[in-house]
Amino acid sequence: MTTQQMSDTELAGQPAAYWTGVAYEALIAFIRARQAEKGYTQPQFWLLRNLSANDLSPSGEGMSLPALREAMASYIRPEDDLAAEADGLLERGWLTRDAEGRLWLTDEGERARVDLTRNTPAIRATLHEGIADADYVTTVKVLRQLIHNAGGPVA
């Protein structure tokens, strides 16, 4: 579907589910490609974030893979293999595994998380190029209302 030749009236009749799906896939592919260029994967970044007391982990305690999967349930993709991603971080020395199988963030892993976080503003800037903040805010508000109207959870 192309919108280049459509009037505003025609655009208003477009299916939101189609366009949000296309947007989701394009955005995820773009983000993951930029992260791969820097030598890491999105699931690896999420693992580091979920194990860091300075980020998403309230305690910085180690977590099992099932607990990490549960923590990431709202954004992990079906093709993401957390066990393989964790193995890559263990090999780098960014994680350790205790006798109970819980993963723990190492000091080197925390430094890597901080360093990788520095990539986020450039990715966001590229994606937001040509979009005024006010337009972005309106878009998010519209999406939240669509989610609400569909009976979904609005965070």
C-alpha atoms as a PDB file:
ATOM      1  CA  MET A   1       0.000   0.000   0.000  1.00  0.00           C
ATOM      2  CA  THR A   2       1.262   3.485  -0.782  1.00  0.00           C
ATOM      3  CA  THR A   3      -0.010   6.768   0.590  1.00  0.00           C
ATOM      4  CA  GLN A   4       1.905   9.097  -1.725  1.00  0.00           C
ATOM      5  CA  GLN A   5      -1.093   9.787  -3.961  1.00  0.00           C
ATOM      6  CA  MET A   6      -3.856   9.530  -1.338  1.00  0.00           C
ATOM      7  CA  SER A   7      -5.907  12.433  -0.075  1.00  0.00           C
ATOM      8  CA  ASP A   8      -6.374  13.040   3.647  1.00  0.00           C
ATOM      9  CA  THR A   9      -9.872  11.601   3.312  1.00  0.00           C
ATOM     10  CA  GLU A  10      -8.466   8.422   1.752  1.00  0.00           C
ATOM     11  CA  LEU A  11      -5.745   8.211   4.402  1.00  0.00           C
ATOM     12  CA  ALA A  12      -8.384   8.515   7.138  1.00  0.00           C
ATOM     13  CA  GLY A  13      -9.960   5.325   5.808  1.00  0.00           C
ATOM     14  CA  GLN A  14      -6.752   3.294   5.939  1.00  0.00           C
ATOM     15  CA  PRO A  15      -6.626   0.314   8.332  1.00  0.00           C
ATOM     16  CA  ALA A  16      -4.661   1.223  11.462  1.00  0.00           C
ATOM     17  CA  ALA A  17      -3.723  -2.404  12.138  1.00  0.00           C
ATOM     18  CA  TYR A  18      -2.003  -2.687   8.757  1.00  0.00           C
ATOM     19  CA  TRP A  19       0.017   0.497   9.199  1.00  0.00           C
ATOM     20  CA  THR A  20       0.968  -0.161  12.816  1.00  0.00           C
ATOM     21  CA  GLY A  21       2.156  -3.635  11.829  1.00  0.00           C
ATOM     22  CA  VAL A  22       4.257  -2.294   8.959  1.00  0.00           C
ATOM     23  CA  ALA A  23       5.660   0.418  11.229  1.00  0.00           C
ATOM     24  CA  TYR A  24       6.498  -2.087  13.980  1.00  0.00           C
ATOM     25  CA  GLU A  25       8.387  -4.420  11.644  1.00  0.00           C
ATOM     26  CA  ALA A  26      10.277  -1.562   9.952  1.00  0.00           C
ATOM     27  CA  LEU A  27      11.251   0.074  13.238  1.00  0.00           C
ATOM     28  CA  ILE A  28      12.404  -3.173  14.870  1.00  0.00           C
ATOM     29  CA  ALA A  29      14.432  -4.120  11.764  1.00  0.00           C
ATOM     30  CA  PHE A  30      16.062  -0.674  11.691  1.00  0.00           C
ATOM     31  CA  ILE A  31      16.925  -0.691  15.407  1.00  0.00           C
ATOM     32  CA  ARG A  32      18.305  -4.223  15.285  1.00  0.00           C
ATOM     33  CA  ALA A  33      20.413  -3.440  12.210  1.00  0.00           C
ATOM     34  CA  ARG A  34      21.953  -0.393  13.910  1.00  0.00           C
ATOM     35  CA  GLN A  35      22.690  -2.439  17.020  1.00  0.00           C
ATOM     36  CA  ALA A  36      24.231  -5.240  14.936  1.00  0.00           C
ATOM     37  CA  GLU A  37      26.527  -2.675  13.313  1.00  0.00           C
ATOM     38  CA  LYS A  38      27.806  -1.920  16.826  1.00  0.00           C
ATOM     39  CA  GLY A  39      28.324  -5.620  17.606  1.00  0.00           C
ATOM     40  CA  TYR A  40      25.402  -6.535  19.822  1.00  0.00           C
ATOM     41  CA  THR A  41      21.792  -7.645  19.569  1.00  0.00           C
ATOM     42  CA  GLN A  42      18.628  -6.098  20.949  1.00  0.00           C
ATOM     43  CA  PRO A  43      17.951  -9.143  23.186  1.00  0.00           C
ATOM     44  CA  GLN A  44      21.499  -8.888  24.583  1.00  0.00           C
ATOM     45  CA  PHE A  45      20.903  -5.241  25.413  1.00  0.00           C
ATOM     46  CA  TRP A  46      17.620  -6.181  27.124  1.00  0.00           C
ATOM     47  CA  LEU A  47      19.385  -8.869  29.165  1.00  0.00           C
ATOM     48  CA  LEU A  48      21.962  -6.349  30.375  1.00  0.00           C
ATOM     49  CA  ARG A  49      19.251  -3.811  31.188  1.00  0.00           C
ATOM     50  CA  ASN A  50      17.083  -6.324  33.056  1.00  0.00           C
ATOM     51  CA  LEU A  51      20.030  -7.430  35.205  1.00  0.00           C
ATOM     52  CA  SER A  52      21.339  -3.951  36.034  1.00  0.00           C
ATOM     53  CA  ALA A  53      20.438  -2.315  39.341  1.00  0.00           C
ATOM     54  CA  ASN A  54      21.101   0.962  37.510  1.00  0.00           C
ATOM     55  CA  ASP A  55      18.434   0.257  34.903  1.00  0.00           C
ATOM     56  CA  LEU A  56      15.440  -2.119  34.917  1.00  0.00           C
ATOM     57  CA  SER A  57      16.359  -4.428  37.809  1.00  0.00           C
ATOM     58  CA  PRO A  58      15.091  -3.086  41.125  1.00  0.00           C
ATOM     59  CA  SER A  59      17.670  -5.087  43.075  1.00  0.00           C
ATOM     60  CA  GLY A  60      20.445  -6.061  40.671  1.00  0.00           C
ATOM     61  CA  GLU A  61      19.921  -9.660  41.766  1.00  0.00           C
ATOM     62  CA  GLY A  62      20.622 -12.530  39.436  1.00  0.00           C
ATOM     63  CA  MET A  63      17.727 -13.951  37.443  1.00  0.00           C
ATOM     64  CA  SER A  64      16.995 -17.250  35.747  1.00  0.00           C
ATOM     65  CA  LEU A  65      16.257 -17.368  32.029  1.00  0.00           C
ATOM     66  CA  PRO A  66      12.555 -18.112  32.689  1.00  0.00           C
ATOM     67  CA  ALA A  67      12.358 -15.088  34.989  1.00  0.00           C
ATOM     68  CA  LEU A  68      14.065 -12.930  32.364  1.00  0.00           C
ATOM     69  CA  ARG A  69      11.669 -14.199  29.670  1.00  0.00           C
ATOM     70  CA  GLU A  70       8.763 -13.265  31.915  1.00  0.00           C
ATOM     71  CA  ALA A  71      10.222  -9.819  32.598  1.00  0.00           C
ATOM     72  CA  MET A  72      10.590  -9.250  28.837  1.00  0.00           C
ATOM     73  CA  ALA A  73       7.289 -10.842  27.820  1.00  0.00           C
ATOM     74  CA  SER A  74       5.796  -7.622  26.464  1.00  0.00           C
ATOM     75  CA  TYR A  75       8.642  -6.935  24.029  1.00  0.00           C
ATOM     76  CA  ILE A  76      10.611 -10.103  23.300  1.00  0.00           C
ATOM     77  CA  ARG A  77      10.016 -11.517  19.846  1.00  0.00           C
ATOM     78  CA  PRO A  78       9.229 -15.191  19.171  1.00  0.00           C
ATOM     79  CA  GLU A  79      12.496 -15.671  17.272  1.00  0.00           C
ATOM     80  CA  ASP A  80      14.622 -14.317  20.145  1.00  0.00           C
ATOM     81  CA  ASP A  81      16.640 -17.113  21.770  1.00  0.00           C
ATOM     82  CA  LEU A  82      17.518 -15.749  25.204  1.00  0.00           C
ATOM     83  CA  ALA A  83      19.642 -18.787  26.076  1.00  0.00           C
ATOM     84  CA  ALA A  84      21.860 -18.253  23.021  1.00  0.00           C
ATOM     85  CA  GLU A  85      21.960 -14.486  23.612  1.00  0.00           C
ATOM     86  CA  ALA A  86      22.959 -15.040  27.250  1.00  0.00           C
ATOM     87  CA  ASP A  87      25.678 -17.476  26.141  1.00  0.00           C
ATOM     88  CA  GLY A  88      27.143 -14.733  23.963  1.00  0.00           C
ATOM     89  CA  LEU A  89      27.212 -12.359  26.932  1.00  0.00           C
ATOM     90  CA  LEU A  90      28.751 -15.050  29.158  1.00  0.00           C
ATOM     91  CA  GLU A  91      31.516 -15.531  26.566  1.00  0.00           C
ATOM     92  CA  ARG A  92      32.198 -11.775  26.563  1.00  0.00           C
ATOM     93  CA  GLY A  93      32.412 -11.767  30.346  1.00  0.00           C
ATOM     94  CA  TRP A  94      29.435  -9.411  30.632  1.00  0.00           C
ATOM     95  CA  LEU A  95      27.395 -11.985  32.574  1.00  0.00           C
ATOM     96  CA  THR A  96      28.177 -14.804  34.975  1.00  0.00           C
ATOM     97  CA  ARG A  97      26.009 -17.789  35.953  1.00  0.00           C
ATOM     98  CA  ASP A  98      25.728 -19.032  39.505  1.00  0.00           C
ATOM     99  CA  ALA A  99      25.236 -22.608  40.727  1.00  0.00           C
ATOM    100  CA  GLU A 100      21.429 -22.159  40.617  1.00  0.00           C
ATOM    101  CA  GLY A 101      21.584 -21.106  36.956  1.00  0.00           C
ATOM    102  CA  ARG A 102      20.819 -17.430  37.598  1.00  0.00           C
ATOM    103  CA  LEU A 103      22.526 -14.873  35.408  1.00  0.00           C
ATOM    104  CA  TRP A 104      24.319 -11.951  37.001  1.00  0.00           C
ATOM    105  CA  LEU A 105      25.653  -8.769  35.457  1.00  0.00           C
ATOM    106  CA  THR A 106      29.417  -8.322  35.837  1.00  0.00           C
ATOM    107  CA  ASP A 107      31.167  -4.967  36.293  1.00  0.00           C
ATOM    108  CA  GLU A 108      32.313  -5.280  32.677  1.00  0.00           C
ATOM    109  CA  GLY A 109      28.726  -5.993  31.646  1.00  0.00           C
ATOM    110  CA  GLU A 110      27.525  -2.861  33.454  1.00  0.00           C
ATOM    111  CA  ARG A 111      30.177  -0.777  31.673  1.00  0.00           C
ATOM    112  CA  ALA A 112      29.040  -2.331  28.362  1.00  0.00           C
ATOM    113  CA  ARG A 113      25.386  -1.538  29.160  1.00  0.00           C
ATOM    114  CA  VAL A 114      26.270   2.092  29.814  1.00  0.00           C
ATOM    115  CA  ASP A 115      28.301   2.234  26.603  1.00  0.00           C
ATOM    116  CA  LEU A 116      25.582   0.574  24.505  1.00  0.00           C
ATOM    117  CA  THR A 117      22.979   2.963  25.933  1.00  0.00           C
ATOM    118  CA  ARG A 118      24.906   5.779  24.263  1.00  0.00           C
ATOM    119  CA  ASN A 119      23.794   4.421  20.864  1.00  0.00           C
ATOM    120  CA  THR A 120      20.122   4.991  21.621  1.00  0.00           C
ATOM    121  CA  PRO A 121      19.926   8.782  21.017  1.00  0.00           C
ATOM    122  CA  ALA A 122      21.422   8.478  17.512  1.00  0.00           C
ATOM    123  CA  ILE A 123      19.009   5.686  16.581  1.00  0.00           C
ATOM    124  CA  ARG A 124      16.086   7.723  17.905  1.00  0.00           C
ATOM    125  CA  ALA A 125      17.261  10.871  16.097  1.00  0.00           C
ATOM    126  CA  THR A 126      17.398   9.045  12.766  1.00  0.00           C
ATOM    127  CA  LEU A 127      13.936   7.577  13.257  1.00  0.00           C
ATOM    128  CA  HIS A 128      12.460  10.929  14.318  1.00  0.00           C
ATOM    129  CA  GLU A 129      14.071  12.914  11.494  1.00  0.00           C
ATOM    130  CA  GLY A 130      11.477  15.181   9.857  1.00  0.00           C
ATOM    131  CA  ILE A 131       8.904  14.558  12.604  1.00  0.00           C
ATOM    132  CA  ALA A 132       8.066  17.434  14.916  1.00  0.00           C
ATOM    133  CA  ASP A 133       7.795  16.502  18.599  1.00  0.00           C
ATOM    134  CA  ALA A 134       4.191  17.736  18.600  1.00  0.00           C
ATOM    135  CA  ASP A 135       3.339  15.391  15.704  1.00  0.00           C
ATOM    136  CA  TYR A 136       5.028  12.495  17.481  1.00  0.00           C
ATOM    137  CA  VAL A 137       3.080  13.221  20.668  1.00  0.00           C
ATOM    138  CA  THR A 138      -0.168  13.346  18.684  1.00  0.00           C
ATOM    139  CA  THR A 139       0.675  10.020  17.055  1.00  0.00           C
ATOM    140  CA  VAL A 140       1.342   8.347  20.403  1.00  0.00           C
ATOM    141  CA  LYS A 141      -1.899   9.761  21.816  1.00  0.00           C
ATOM    142  CA  VAL A 142      -3.830   8.446  18.825  1.00  0.00           C
ATOM    143  CA  LEU A 143      -2.234   5.011  19.162  1.00  0.00           C
ATOM    144  CA  ARG A 144      -3.025   4.916  22.882  1.00  0.00           C
ATOM    145  CA  GLN A 145      -6.656   5.784  22.118  1.00  0.00           C
ATOM    146  CA  LEU A 146      -6.854   3.084  19.440  1.00  0.00           C
ATOM    147  CA  ILE A 147      -5.475   0.576  21.953  1.00  0.00           C
ATOM    148  CA  HIS A 148      -7.994   1.729  24.548  1.00  0.00           C
ATOM    149  CA  ASN A 149     -10.869   1.541  22.032  1.00  0.00           C
ATOM    150  CA  ALA A 150      -9.802  -2.004  21.144  1.00  0.00           C
ATOM    151  CA  GLY A 151      -9.880  -3.003  24.816  1.00  0.00           C
ATOM    152  CA  GLY A 152      -6.134  -3.402  25.096  1.00  0.00           C
ATOM    153  CA  PRO A 153      -3.877  -2.288  27.919  1.00  0.00           C
ATOM    154  CA  VAL A 154      -2.722   1.305  27.769  1.00  0.00           C
ATOM    155  CA  ALA A 155       0.446   1.794  29.756  1.00  0.00           C
END
